[in-house]
N, C-alpha and C. Protein backbone atom coordinates (compact mmCIF):
# COMPACT_ATOMS: atom_id res chain seq x y z
N ALA A 1 27.74 -75.38 -75.90
CA ALA A 1 26.50 -75.54 -76.50
C ALA A 1 25.69 -76.53 -75.75
N GLU A 2 26.10 -77.26 -74.84
CA GLU A 2 25.39 -78.11 -73.81
C GLU A 2 25.00 -79.29 -74.52
N ASP A 3 25.74 -79.52 -75.49
CA ASP A 3 25.51 -80.91 -76.22
C ASP A 3 26.39 -82.02 -75.59
N TYR A 4 25.92 -82.33 -74.35
CA TYR A 4 26.85 -83.06 -73.45
C TYR A 4 27.26 -84.73 -74.13
N LYS A 5 26.22 -85.16 -75.07
CA LYS A 5 26.16 -86.62 -75.58
C LYS A 5 27.72 -86.43 -76.56
N THR A 6 27.62 -85.47 -77.34
CA THR A 6 28.82 -85.53 -78.43
C THR A 6 30.04 -85.09 -77.53
N ALA A 7 30.15 -83.96 -76.73
CA ALA A 7 31.24 -83.46 -76.16
C ALA A 7 31.91 -84.32 -75.09
N CYS A 8 31.13 -84.78 -74.40
CA CYS A 8 31.92 -85.56 -73.33
C CYS A 8 32.97 -87.01 -73.98
N PRO A 9 32.50 -87.62 -74.78
CA PRO A 9 33.23 -88.84 -75.19
C PRO A 9 34.47 -87.99 -75.94
N LYS A 10 34.41 -86.87 -76.75
CA LYS A 10 35.46 -86.40 -77.34
C LYS A 10 36.57 -85.76 -76.00
N PHE A 11 35.88 -85.32 -75.06
CA PHE A 11 36.98 -84.74 -73.80
C PHE A 11 37.76 -85.91 -73.41
N GLU A 12 36.80 -87.15 -73.15
CA GLU A 12 37.77 -88.30 -73.02
C GLU A 12 38.85 -88.71 -73.55
N ALA A 13 38.67 -88.56 -74.74
CA ALA A 13 39.49 -89.10 -75.92
C ALA A 13 40.63 -88.04 -75.86
N SER A 14 40.45 -86.97 -75.65
CA SER A 14 41.41 -85.77 -75.63
C SER A 14 42.18 -85.89 -74.28
N LEU A 15 41.58 -86.55 -73.62
CA LEU A 15 42.59 -86.26 -71.99
C LEU A 15 43.32 -87.75 -72.28
N LYS A 16 43.10 -88.73 -73.17
CA LYS A 16 43.94 -89.99 -73.25
C LYS A 16 45.01 -89.33 -73.81
N LEU A 17 45.15 -88.23 -74.56
CA LEU A 17 46.15 -87.79 -75.31
C LEU A 17 47.04 -87.02 -74.46
N ALA A 18 46.41 -86.09 -73.87
CA ALA A 18 46.99 -85.03 -72.90
C ALA A 18 46.19 -84.88 -71.63
N ARG A 19 46.88 -84.54 -70.53
CA ARG A 19 45.93 -84.47 -69.45
C ARG A 19 46.35 -82.77 -69.06
N ARG A 20 45.13 -82.09 -69.49
CA ARG A 20 45.29 -80.78 -69.60
C ARG A 20 44.08 -80.19 -68.66
N ALA A 21 44.39 -79.23 -68.03
CA ALA A 21 43.57 -78.43 -66.94
C ALA A 21 42.18 -78.37 -67.85
N GLY A 22 41.99 -77.65 -69.02
CA GLY A 22 40.41 -77.22 -69.75
C GLY A 22 40.13 -78.37 -70.22
N THR A 23 40.67 -79.72 -70.31
CA THR A 23 39.91 -81.11 -70.53
C THR A 23 39.55 -81.67 -69.44
N LEU A 24 40.22 -81.47 -68.16
CA LEU A 24 39.61 -81.79 -67.31
C LEU A 24 38.43 -81.13 -66.39
N PHE A 25 38.61 -79.72 -66.83
CA PHE A 25 37.41 -79.16 -66.34
C PHE A 25 36.27 -79.26 -67.23
N ASN A 26 36.59 -79.57 -68.45
CA ASN A 26 35.50 -79.92 -69.27
C ASN A 26 34.75 -81.40 -69.16
N LEU A 27 35.63 -82.09 -68.72
CA LEU A 27 35.19 -83.60 -68.22
C LEU A 27 34.46 -83.59 -66.95
N ALA A 28 34.55 -82.61 -65.84
CA ALA A 28 34.27 -82.45 -64.59
C ALA A 28 32.77 -82.11 -64.96
N GLN A 29 32.38 -80.97 -65.86
CA GLN A 29 31.40 -80.43 -66.05
C GLN A 29 30.38 -81.74 -66.83
N CYS A 30 30.90 -82.44 -67.52
CA CYS A 30 30.27 -83.66 -68.21
C CYS A 30 29.72 -84.39 -67.14
N GLU A 31 30.61 -84.92 -66.11
CA GLU A 31 30.28 -85.60 -65.12
C GLU A 31 29.10 -85.27 -64.17
N GLU A 32 29.37 -84.07 -63.69
CA GLU A 32 28.50 -83.27 -63.06
C GLU A 32 27.21 -83.36 -63.54
N HIS A 33 27.06 -83.21 -65.04
CA HIS A 33 25.97 -83.06 -65.57
C HIS A 33 25.20 -84.54 -65.50
N GLU A 34 25.88 -85.49 -65.69
CA GLU A 34 25.56 -86.78 -65.75
C GLU A 34 25.23 -87.42 -64.06
N GLY A 35 25.49 -86.45 -63.14
CA GLY A 35 25.08 -86.67 -61.61
C GLY A 35 26.26 -87.56 -61.16
N ARG A 36 27.28 -87.89 -61.59
CA ARG A 36 28.63 -88.22 -61.11
C ARG A 36 29.53 -87.39 -60.24
N LEU A 37 29.08 -87.05 -59.15
CA LEU A 37 29.73 -85.81 -58.55
C LEU A 37 31.05 -86.21 -57.90
N VAL A 38 31.22 -87.51 -57.57
CA VAL A 38 32.57 -87.86 -57.22
C VAL A 38 33.51 -87.73 -58.17
N THR A 39 33.13 -88.24 -59.37
CA THR A 39 34.01 -88.02 -60.68
C THR A 39 34.75 -86.71 -60.97
N ALA A 40 33.25 -85.81 -60.82
CA ALA A 40 33.57 -84.35 -61.30
C ALA A 40 34.49 -83.84 -60.27
N VAL A 41 34.14 -83.87 -58.97
CA VAL A 41 35.03 -83.34 -58.10
C VAL A 41 36.92 -83.77 -58.32
N GLN A 42 36.78 -85.31 -58.57
CA GLN A 42 38.11 -85.62 -58.79
C GLN A 42 38.78 -84.76 -60.08
N TYR A 43 38.18 -84.51 -61.13
CA TYR A 43 38.31 -84.02 -62.46
C TYR A 43 38.74 -82.44 -61.87
N TYR A 44 37.87 -82.02 -61.10
CA TYR A 44 38.12 -80.54 -60.83
C TYR A 44 39.65 -80.44 -59.84
N LYS A 45 39.77 -81.45 -58.94
CA LYS A 45 40.69 -81.13 -58.29
C LYS A 45 41.94 -81.39 -58.79
N GLU A 46 42.07 -82.46 -59.93
CA GLU A 46 43.32 -82.75 -60.83
C GLU A 46 43.62 -81.43 -61.95
N GLY A 47 42.38 -80.73 -62.10
CA GLY A 47 42.70 -79.46 -62.99
C GLY A 47 43.22 -78.37 -62.47
N ILE A 48 42.76 -78.38 -60.98
CA ILE A 48 43.23 -77.00 -60.21
C ILE A 48 44.68 -77.22 -60.03
N VAL A 49 45.00 -78.50 -59.72
CA VAL A 49 46.74 -78.60 -59.28
C VAL A 49 47.26 -78.34 -60.53
N VAL A 50 47.02 -78.80 -61.72
CA VAL A 50 47.52 -78.61 -63.09
C VAL A 50 48.05 -77.17 -63.32
N LEU A 51 47.01 -76.17 -62.88
CA LEU A 51 47.05 -74.67 -63.32
C LEU A 51 48.15 -74.05 -62.44
N GLU A 52 48.76 -73.05 -63.11
CA GLU A 52 49.74 -72.13 -62.73
C GLU A 52 48.97 -71.00 -61.89
N PRO A 53 49.56 -70.42 -60.59
CA PRO A 53 49.16 -69.51 -59.95
C PRO A 53 48.74 -68.57 -60.84
N GLY A 54 47.77 -67.92 -60.59
CA GLY A 54 46.96 -66.60 -61.23
C GLY A 54 46.57 -66.87 -62.80
N ASP A 55 46.34 -68.38 -62.91
CA ASP A 55 45.54 -68.66 -64.28
C ASP A 55 43.89 -68.23 -63.90
N PRO A 56 43.56 -67.56 -65.07
CA PRO A 56 42.10 -67.04 -64.80
C PRO A 56 41.00 -68.19 -64.54
N ARG A 57 41.28 -69.38 -64.84
CA ARG A 57 40.32 -70.65 -64.65
C ARG A 57 40.46 -71.07 -63.11
N LEU A 58 41.29 -70.67 -62.30
CA LEU A 58 41.73 -71.00 -60.92
C LEU A 58 40.46 -70.70 -60.13
N ALA A 59 40.14 -69.43 -60.03
CA ALA A 59 38.90 -69.11 -59.21
C ALA A 59 37.73 -69.79 -59.53
N PRO A 60 36.99 -69.74 -60.73
CA PRO A 60 35.81 -70.13 -61.05
C PRO A 60 35.75 -71.87 -61.01
N SER A 61 37.01 -72.31 -60.91
CA SER A 61 37.17 -73.78 -60.87
C SER A 61 37.06 -74.20 -59.47
N LYS A 62 37.65 -73.39 -58.47
CA LYS A 62 37.60 -73.46 -57.04
C LYS A 62 36.24 -73.53 -56.62
N LYS A 63 35.61 -72.33 -57.11
CA LYS A 63 34.19 -71.93 -56.77
C LYS A 63 33.14 -73.22 -57.12
N GLN A 64 33.27 -73.55 -58.42
CA GLN A 64 32.37 -74.94 -59.00
C GLN A 64 32.46 -76.27 -57.90
N LEU A 65 34.01 -76.50 -57.59
CA LEU A 65 34.30 -77.58 -56.75
C LEU A 65 33.58 -77.36 -55.20
N ALA A 66 33.92 -76.07 -54.70
CA ALA A 66 33.04 -75.76 -53.60
C ALA A 66 31.42 -75.96 -53.50
N ASN A 67 30.80 -75.74 -54.89
CA ASN A 67 29.53 -75.97 -55.09
C ASN A 67 29.32 -77.36 -54.91
N ILE A 68 29.95 -78.26 -55.67
CA ILE A 68 29.91 -79.53 -55.75
C ILE A 68 29.92 -80.42 -54.47
N GLU A 69 31.18 -80.06 -53.86
CA GLU A 69 31.57 -81.00 -52.82
C GLU A 69 30.70 -81.18 -51.65
N PRO A 70 29.54 -80.22 -51.36
CA PRO A 70 28.82 -80.38 -50.18
C PRO A 70 27.54 -81.30 -50.65
N ARG A 71 27.19 -81.39 -51.87
CA ARG A 71 26.12 -82.06 -52.58
C ARG A 71 26.50 -83.56 -52.57
N MET A 72 27.76 -84.02 -52.48
CA MET A 72 28.16 -85.54 -52.52
C MET A 72 27.66 -86.42 -51.54
N PRO A 73 26.65 -87.46 -51.76
CA PRO A 73 26.34 -88.11 -50.58
C PRO A 73 27.53 -89.12 -50.14
N TYR A 74 27.57 -89.78 -48.94
CA TYR A 74 28.44 -90.57 -48.26
C TYR A 74 27.69 -91.46 -47.66
N LEU A 75 28.34 -92.74 -47.95
CA LEU A 75 28.04 -94.16 -47.40
C LEU A 75 29.03 -94.58 -46.52
N THR A 76 28.63 -95.35 -45.61
CA THR A 76 29.07 -96.53 -44.60
C THR A 76 28.73 -97.73 -44.65
N VAL A 77 29.66 -98.72 -45.04
CA VAL A 77 29.10 -99.97 -45.02
C VAL A 77 29.65 -100.80 -44.22
N THR A 78 28.94 -101.40 -43.51
CA THR A 78 28.86 -102.17 -42.45
C THR A 78 28.71 -103.87 -42.68
N ILE A 79 29.31 -104.70 -41.96
CA ILE A 79 29.08 -106.22 -42.37
C ILE A 79 28.51 -106.84 -40.83
N GLN A 80 27.39 -107.35 -41.20
CA GLN A 80 26.86 -108.11 -40.19
C GLN A 80 27.41 -109.70 -40.01
N GLY A 81 27.78 -109.69 -38.62
CA GLY A 81 28.43 -110.73 -38.73
C GLY A 81 30.04 -110.63 -39.19
N ALA A 82 30.68 -112.01 -39.42
CA ALA A 82 32.11 -112.30 -39.78
C ALA A 82 31.73 -112.56 -41.56
N LEU A 83 32.84 -111.75 -41.78
CA LEU A 83 32.79 -112.25 -43.56
C LEU A 83 33.89 -113.41 -43.62
N PRO A 84 33.50 -114.38 -44.44
CA PRO A 84 34.43 -115.69 -44.20
C PRO A 84 35.83 -115.20 -44.89
N ALA A 85 36.38 -116.30 -44.62
CA ALA A 85 38.00 -116.00 -45.43
C ALA A 85 37.73 -116.09 -47.01
N ASN A 86 38.63 -115.19 -47.63
CA ASN A 86 38.67 -114.76 -49.16
C ASN A 86 37.14 -114.17 -49.35
N GLY A 87 36.42 -113.50 -48.37
CA GLY A 87 35.11 -112.71 -48.67
C GLY A 87 35.46 -111.45 -49.16
N ARG A 88 34.80 -110.79 -49.73
CA ARG A 88 35.07 -109.32 -50.20
C ARG A 88 33.45 -108.60 -50.36
N VAL A 89 33.61 -107.26 -50.13
CA VAL A 89 32.38 -106.63 -50.60
C VAL A 89 32.62 -105.86 -51.78
N THR A 90 31.33 -105.60 -52.69
CA THR A 90 31.67 -104.81 -53.90
C THR A 90 30.43 -103.88 -53.91
N LEU A 91 30.64 -102.80 -54.40
CA LEU A 91 29.78 -101.68 -54.57
C LEU A 91 29.76 -101.40 -56.02
N ASP A 92 28.73 -101.71 -57.03
CA ASP A 92 28.58 -101.88 -58.52
C ASP A 92 29.52 -102.39 -58.86
N GLY A 93 30.08 -103.49 -58.42
CA GLY A 93 31.05 -104.20 -58.99
C GLY A 93 32.44 -104.15 -58.72
N ARG A 94 32.62 -103.00 -57.87
CA ARG A 94 34.13 -102.72 -57.45
C ARG A 94 34.09 -102.98 -56.22
N GLU A 95 35.44 -103.63 -55.93
CA GLU A 95 35.56 -103.95 -54.58
C GLU A 95 35.97 -102.65 -53.40
N ILE A 96 35.17 -102.94 -52.38
CA ILE A 96 35.49 -101.96 -51.12
C ILE A 96 36.37 -102.29 -50.40
N GLU A 97 37.29 -101.27 -50.05
CA GLU A 97 38.32 -101.54 -49.03
C GLU A 97 37.95 -101.05 -47.76
N VAL A 98 37.15 -100.02 -47.68
CA VAL A 98 36.78 -99.42 -46.50
C VAL A 98 35.47 -99.53 -45.93
N ILE A 99 35.69 -100.73 -45.19
CA ILE A 99 34.24 -100.99 -44.01
C ILE A 99 34.44 -100.55 -43.01
N GLY A 100 33.23 -99.89 -42.43
CA GLY A 100 33.14 -99.09 -41.38
C GLY A 100 33.45 -97.69 -41.48
N LYS A 101 33.71 -97.06 -42.47
CA LYS A 101 34.20 -95.65 -42.71
C LYS A 101 33.21 -95.18 -43.57
N GLU A 102 33.01 -93.94 -43.82
CA GLU A 102 32.30 -93.22 -44.80
C GLU A 102 33.08 -92.68 -45.85
N PHE A 103 32.55 -92.85 -46.95
CA PHE A 103 33.26 -92.65 -48.09
C PHE A 103 32.27 -92.08 -49.24
N ALA A 104 32.75 -91.18 -50.16
CA ALA A 104 31.81 -90.44 -51.04
C ALA A 104 31.41 -91.56 -51.98
N VAL A 105 30.25 -91.58 -52.30
CA VAL A 105 29.48 -92.22 -53.67
C VAL A 105 28.87 -91.29 -54.53
N ASN A 106 28.76 -91.55 -55.80
CA ASN A 106 27.88 -90.77 -56.65
C ASN A 106 26.18 -90.90 -56.20
N PRO A 107 25.82 -89.88 -56.21
CA PRO A 107 23.98 -90.10 -56.08
C PRO A 107 23.36 -91.28 -56.97
N GLY A 108 22.44 -91.82 -56.90
CA GLY A 108 21.73 -92.62 -57.85
C GLY A 108 21.55 -93.94 -56.91
N LYS A 109 21.23 -94.94 -57.84
CA LYS A 109 20.77 -96.41 -57.37
C LYS A 109 22.23 -97.49 -57.70
N HIS A 110 22.41 -97.92 -56.44
CA HIS A 110 23.84 -98.61 -56.51
C HIS A 110 23.25 -100.38 -56.03
N GLU A 111 24.32 -101.21 -56.06
CA GLU A 111 24.17 -102.56 -55.51
C GLU A 111 25.28 -102.90 -54.86
N LEU A 112 25.12 -103.16 -53.61
CA LEU A 112 26.27 -103.79 -52.64
C LEU A 112 26.08 -105.18 -52.51
N ARG A 113 27.22 -105.73 -52.63
CA ARG A 113 27.29 -107.35 -52.56
C ARG A 113 28.46 -107.79 -51.64
N ALA A 114 28.01 -109.01 -50.95
CA ALA A 114 28.91 -109.59 -50.01
C ALA A 114 29.25 -110.78 -50.73
N LEU A 115 30.41 -110.99 -51.18
CA LEU A 115 31.14 -112.43 -51.83
C LEU A 115 31.86 -113.17 -51.08
N ALA A 116 31.70 -114.35 -51.14
CA ALA A 116 32.71 -115.46 -50.54
C ALA A 116 32.58 -116.86 -51.02
N PRO A 117 33.56 -117.61 -51.14
CA PRO A 117 33.35 -118.65 -51.80
C PRO A 117 32.50 -119.75 -51.06
N LYS A 118 31.72 -120.65 -51.60
CA LYS A 118 30.80 -121.55 -50.99
C LYS A 118 29.80 -120.81 -50.26
N TYR A 119 29.71 -119.52 -50.34
CA TYR A 119 28.19 -118.96 -49.62
C TYR A 119 27.57 -118.29 -51.06
N ALA A 120 26.22 -117.94 -50.74
CA ALA A 120 25.46 -117.28 -51.59
C ALA A 120 25.74 -115.79 -51.51
N ASP A 121 25.49 -115.21 -52.58
CA ASP A 121 25.94 -113.85 -52.37
C ASP A 121 25.02 -113.09 -51.68
N GLY A 122 25.36 -112.09 -50.77
CA GLY A 122 24.40 -111.19 -49.96
C GLY A 122 24.37 -109.89 -50.91
N VAL A 123 22.99 -109.45 -51.10
CA VAL A 123 22.64 -108.18 -51.70
C VAL A 123 22.13 -107.31 -51.06
N VAL A 124 22.34 -106.05 -51.27
CA VAL A 124 21.48 -105.08 -50.73
C VAL A 124 21.62 -103.92 -51.90
N GLU A 125 20.28 -103.49 -52.54
CA GLU A 125 20.21 -102.58 -53.32
C GLU A 125 19.63 -101.28 -52.76
N PHE A 126 20.17 -100.48 -53.08
CA PHE A 126 19.61 -98.82 -52.48
C PHE A 126 19.92 -97.69 -53.52
N GLU A 127 19.19 -96.67 -53.24
CA GLU A 127 19.27 -95.37 -53.75
C GLU A 127 19.93 -94.37 -52.96
N ILE A 128 20.72 -93.57 -53.32
CA ILE A 128 21.06 -92.35 -52.17
C ILE A 128 21.11 -91.22 -52.98
N GLU A 129 20.45 -90.25 -52.32
CA GLU A 129 20.28 -88.67 -52.83
C GLU A 129 21.55 -87.99 -52.54
N GLU A 130 21.68 -86.88 -53.38
CA GLU A 130 22.76 -85.89 -52.81
C GLU A 130 22.54 -85.35 -51.51
N PHE A 131 23.54 -84.94 -50.97
CA PHE A 131 23.43 -84.55 -49.69
C PHE A 131 23.50 -85.50 -48.49
N LYS A 132 23.20 -86.46 -48.74
CA LYS A 132 22.81 -87.72 -47.66
C LYS A 132 24.02 -88.10 -47.05
N LYS A 133 23.78 -88.74 -46.17
CA LYS A 133 24.97 -89.64 -45.76
C LYS A 133 23.91 -90.99 -44.92
N GLU A 134 24.29 -91.94 -45.75
CA GLU A 134 23.66 -93.27 -45.20
C GLU A 134 24.57 -94.32 -44.73
N THR A 135 24.11 -95.42 -44.16
CA THR A 135 25.05 -96.61 -43.50
C THR A 135 24.07 -97.70 -43.96
N LYS A 136 24.67 -98.62 -44.64
CA LYS A 136 24.15 -99.94 -45.40
C LYS A 136 24.84 -100.99 -44.55
N THR A 137 24.02 -102.11 -43.95
CA THR A 137 24.63 -103.07 -43.51
C THR A 137 24.51 -104.17 -44.44
N ILE A 138 25.28 -105.20 -44.68
CA ILE A 138 25.27 -106.15 -45.58
C ILE A 138 25.78 -107.54 -44.61
N SER A 139 25.19 -108.52 -45.09
CA SER A 139 25.55 -109.73 -44.72
C SER A 139 25.66 -111.00 -45.74
N ILE A 140 26.82 -112.04 -45.49
CA ILE A 140 27.06 -112.80 -46.45
C ILE A 140 25.76 -113.47 -46.60
N GLY A 141 25.44 -114.48 -47.89
CA GLY A 141 24.35 -115.30 -47.84
C GLY A 141 24.54 -116.42 -47.01
N ALA A 142 23.54 -117.38 -47.38
CA ALA A 142 23.61 -118.76 -46.85
C ALA A 142 24.95 -119.78 -47.31
N ARG A 143 25.34 -120.81 -46.34
CA ARG A 143 26.56 -121.41 -47.11
C ARG A 143 25.77 -122.54 -48.10
N LEU A 144 26.30 -122.44 -49.16
CA LEU A 144 25.82 -123.43 -50.09
C LEU A 144 26.29 -124.92 -50.04
N PRO A 145 25.43 -125.94 -50.42
CA PRO A 145 25.72 -127.16 -49.92
C PRO A 145 26.95 -127.54 -51.01
N ASP A 146 27.99 -128.43 -50.66
CA ASP A 146 29.04 -128.97 -51.42
C ASP A 146 28.45 -129.78 -52.27
N PRO A 147 29.24 -129.86 -53.48
CA PRO A 147 28.74 -130.52 -54.55
C PRO A 147 28.76 -131.96 -54.30
N PRO A 148 28.28 -132.77 -54.92
CA PRO A 148 28.42 -134.36 -54.65
C PRO A 148 29.67 -134.74 -55.01
N ALA A 149 30.05 -135.77 -54.22
CA ALA A 149 31.47 -136.32 -54.48
C ALA A 149 31.61 -137.13 -55.58
N GLN A 150 32.58 -137.03 -56.57
CA GLN A 150 32.66 -137.89 -57.64
C GLN A 150 33.17 -139.26 -57.38
N VAL A 151 32.75 -140.15 -58.22
CA VAL A 151 33.37 -141.46 -58.13
C VAL A 151 34.41 -141.69 -58.76
N ARG A 152 35.21 -142.14 -57.82
CA ARG A 152 36.73 -142.47 -58.59
C ARG A 152 36.63 -143.94 -58.76
N PHE A 153 37.46 -144.37 -59.52
CA PHE A 153 37.58 -146.12 -59.86
C PHE A 153 38.47 -146.53 -58.57
N LYS A 154 39.11 -145.96 -57.92
CA LYS A 154 39.86 -146.76 -56.92
C LYS A 154 38.89 -146.50 -55.64
N ASP A 155 37.48 -146.17 -55.64
CA ASP A 155 36.45 -146.38 -54.66
C ASP A 155 35.63 -147.38 -54.88
N LEU A 156 35.69 -147.85 -56.27
CA LEU A 156 34.72 -148.75 -56.81
C LEU A 156 35.14 -150.16 -56.18
N GLY A 157 36.30 -150.38 -56.03
CA GLY A 157 36.81 -151.81 -55.69
C GLY A 157 36.97 -152.93 -56.80
N PRO A 158 37.69 -153.70 -56.52
CA PRO A 158 38.15 -154.72 -57.45
C PRO A 158 37.10 -155.41 -58.25
N LYS A 159 36.28 -155.66 -57.34
CA LYS A 159 34.91 -156.66 -58.09
C LYS A 159 34.30 -155.83 -59.04
N ARG A 160 33.78 -154.66 -58.68
CA ARG A 160 33.04 -153.84 -59.40
C ARG A 160 33.79 -153.53 -60.78
N ILE A 161 34.92 -153.14 -60.51
CA ILE A 161 35.41 -152.64 -61.83
C ILE A 161 35.74 -154.08 -62.67
N ALA A 162 35.83 -155.17 -62.39
CA ALA A 162 35.77 -156.31 -63.00
C ALA A 162 34.54 -156.74 -63.85
N ILE A 163 33.67 -156.49 -62.89
CA ILE A 163 32.14 -156.64 -63.64
C ILE A 163 31.80 -155.56 -64.76
N ILE A 164 32.12 -154.27 -64.51
CA ILE A 164 31.98 -153.20 -65.30
C ILE A 164 33.13 -153.34 -66.85
N ALA A 165 34.31 -153.83 -66.74
CA ALA A 165 35.16 -154.46 -67.69
C ALA A 165 34.32 -155.59 -68.31
N ALA A 166 33.85 -156.43 -67.82
CA ALA A 166 33.24 -157.75 -68.51
C ALA A 166 32.09 -157.08 -69.25
N PHE A 167 31.35 -156.10 -68.61
CA PHE A 167 30.26 -155.74 -69.62
C PHE A 167 30.84 -155.21 -70.77
N GLY A 168 31.67 -154.31 -70.58
CA GLY A 168 32.17 -153.47 -71.45
C GLY A 168 32.72 -154.25 -72.68
N ALA A 169 33.70 -155.42 -72.31
CA ALA A 169 33.88 -156.19 -73.44
C ALA A 169 33.14 -157.08 -73.97
N GLY A 170 31.93 -157.48 -73.18
CA GLY A 170 30.87 -158.15 -73.41
C GLY A 170 29.95 -157.47 -74.79
N GLY A 171 29.96 -155.95 -74.37
CA GLY A 171 29.27 -155.30 -75.37
C GLY A 171 29.94 -155.00 -76.46
N LEU A 172 31.58 -154.84 -76.54
CA LEU A 172 32.05 -154.79 -77.61
C LEU A 172 31.99 -155.91 -78.61
N GLY A 173 32.18 -157.27 -78.01
CA GLY A 173 31.79 -158.50 -78.76
C GLY A 173 30.76 -158.68 -79.28
N VAL A 174 29.38 -158.39 -78.64
CA VAL A 174 28.26 -157.93 -79.37
C VAL A 174 28.01 -157.26 -80.69
N ILE A 175 28.67 -156.04 -80.44
CA ILE A 175 28.83 -155.10 -81.81
C ILE A 175 29.83 -155.84 -82.84
N GLY A 176 30.72 -156.10 -82.25
CA GLY A 176 31.76 -156.69 -83.26
C GLY A 176 30.90 -157.78 -84.31
N ALA A 177 30.26 -159.08 -83.22
CA ALA A 177 29.72 -160.02 -84.15
C ALA A 177 28.15 -159.36 -84.85
N ALA A 178 27.66 -158.21 -84.37
CA ALA A 178 26.51 -157.81 -85.35
C ALA A 178 27.19 -157.24 -86.66
N LEU A 179 28.09 -156.67 -86.62
CA LEU A 179 29.00 -156.06 -87.80
C LEU A 179 29.59 -157.20 -88.42
N THR A 180 30.14 -158.27 -87.95
CA THR A 180 30.58 -159.27 -88.91
C THR A 180 29.58 -159.92 -89.47
N GLY A 181 28.48 -160.20 -88.94
CA GLY A 181 27.39 -160.87 -89.20
C GLY A 181 26.80 -160.00 -90.51
N GLY A 182 26.49 -158.82 -90.41
CA GLY A 182 26.00 -158.15 -91.13
C GLY A 182 26.79 -158.03 -92.66
N PHE A 183 28.32 -158.05 -92.52
CA PHE A 183 29.10 -158.14 -93.79
C PHE A 183 28.85 -159.27 -94.27
N LEU A 184 28.79 -160.73 -93.66
CA LEU A 184 28.74 -161.82 -94.49
C LEU A 184 27.28 -162.02 -94.71
N VAL A 185 26.56 -161.38 -94.16
CA VAL A 185 25.01 -161.68 -95.13
C VAL A 185 24.90 -160.90 -96.25
């Protein structure tokens, strides 16, 4: 009925119960309808593997898979300069492990980030269309300044500690005298 909004969540729930070819193919259609071609291809491939030879759904599923695969866009991510220790690159919040090599992505808007401790994030936002192959270069942001050093008591020295203690004790004495005087009056 082409009611993807209602059907797709139900297919996802069904798939959690049992991974059947029909459910996988239905989810593949949902993903294709939403423009998530990479996910659609994954569902079609998994569904095809589950089918028995001679199943009447095999030929149409392979045909649909063959129609989708050429439409998938491909991205190559390169890094300008070196990535600091513990640095990583993410695409839409997921870490990328394939740097410098082409991989399939869904068409649409994406956000590429280079992350490393003590550095500002490098960010590249882009949109990629079906059938396209693109290369995006990202670099880590500027090094962030170190936070100011915290003052530790051992760094203050004995004279300063004695002065702080004397003022603290004197302040407590004044408060105590005020309270005592108030009670007496």
